[in-house]
Amino acid sequence: MAHGLGKVAPCFVDADTAPFGADASGPKGGLTAIVFPNHLVYLITWYFLALMVAIVGFYVARGEMRQRRR
C-alpha cells in the first residue's frame, strides 16, 4: 500500500523536459533514464547475490551452532 491509499497502480512519474513557465533554477525534467539493456545479466547478478547471502548465512548459523554445543 502507498501510505494508506489502498490499492494503487504501479507507476513512475518524471517531470517534463520543458514544463510551462518553468524557472531555470528549478529541477531539470526528463533526466531520468531507466534502461536495462541486458535483463539476463541483471537477473544473474541478483540471483548470485542472493545465493552468496544464503551461503554466508549457512556458515554463520553453522558456526553459531558449533559454539553453542561446547
Protein backbone atom coordinates (compact mmCIF):
# COMPACT_ATOMS: atom_id res chain seq x y z
CA MET A 1 0.00 0.00 0.00
CA ALA A 2 1.12 3.52 -0.69
CA HIS A 3 0.79 5.37 2.63
CA GLY A 4 -2.76 4.20 3.31
CA LEU A 5 -4.16 4.93 -0.15
CA GLY A 6 -5.47 1.42 -0.66
CA LYS A 7 -4.84 -0.34 -3.94
CA VAL A 8 -2.84 1.82 -6.34
CA ALA A 9 -1.40 1.08 -9.76
CA PRO A 10 2.40 0.82 -10.07
CA CYS A 11 3.63 3.88 -11.93
CA PHE A 12 6.62 6.15 -12.39
CA VAL A 13 6.35 9.93 -12.57
CA ASP A 14 9.04 12.08 -14.15
CA ALA A 15 8.99 15.84 -14.77
CA ASP A 16 8.52 17.06 -18.33
CA THR A 17 11.63 18.24 -20.18
CA ALA A 18 10.20 21.75 -20.65
CA PRO A 19 7.31 22.43 -18.27
CA PHE A 20 5.22 25.52 -18.97
CA GLY A 21 6.55 28.51 -17.02
CA ALA A 22 9.45 26.58 -15.55
CA ASP A 23 12.15 28.50 -13.76
CA ALA A 24 15.71 27.79 -14.94
CA SER A 25 16.86 27.47 -11.31
CA GLY A 26 14.38 24.65 -10.58
CA PRO A 27 14.76 20.94 -11.18
CA LYS A 28 15.51 19.79 -14.70
CA GLY A 29 12.96 17.35 -16.08
CA GLY A 30 13.47 14.41 -18.41
CA LEU A 31 16.83 13.35 -16.98
CA THR A 32 15.72 10.03 -15.50
CA ALA A 33 16.79 7.09 -17.62
CA ILE A 34 15.66 3.59 -16.68
CA VAL A 35 17.29 1.18 -19.09
CA PHE A 36 18.11 -2.48 -18.62
CA PRO A 37 19.97 -3.35 -21.81
CA ASN A 38 20.56 -6.96 -20.84
CA HIS A 39 17.95 -8.38 -18.49
CA LEU A 40 19.77 -11.70 -18.20
CA VAL A 41 22.84 -10.03 -16.66
CA TYR A 42 20.61 -8.19 -14.19
CA LEU A 43 18.85 -11.45 -13.28
CA ILE A 44 22.09 -13.40 -12.85
CA THR A 45 23.61 -10.63 -10.71
CA TRP A 46 20.74 -10.61 -8.20
CA TYR A 47 20.42 -14.39 -8.04
CA PHE A 48 24.13 -14.77 -7.34
CA LEU A 49 23.96 -12.07 -4.67
CA ALA A 50 21.04 -13.91 -3.05
CA LEU A 51 22.94 -17.19 -3.30
CA MET A 52 26.01 -15.66 -1.64
CA VAL A 53 23.88 -14.27 1.21
CA ALA A 54 22.34 -17.72 1.72
CA ILE A 55 25.77 -19.39 1.78
CA VAL A 56 27.18 -16.88 4.25
CA GLY A 57 24.05 -17.24 6.40
CA PHE A 58 24.52 -21.01 6.41
CA TYR A 59 28.15 -20.74 7.51
CA VAL A 60 27.32 -18.20 10.23
CA ALA A 61 24.47 -20.37 11.52
CA ARG A 62 26.69 -23.47 11.44
CA GLY A 63 29.39 -21.65 13.40
CA GLU A 64 26.86 -20.47 15.98
CA MET A 65 25.52 -23.99 16.42
CA ARG A 66 29.05 -25.36 16.93
CA GLN A 67 29.79 -22.74 19.58
CA ARG A 68 26.59 -23.49 21.49
CA ARG A 69 27.39 -27.21 21.63
CA ARG A 70 30.66 -26.56 23.52
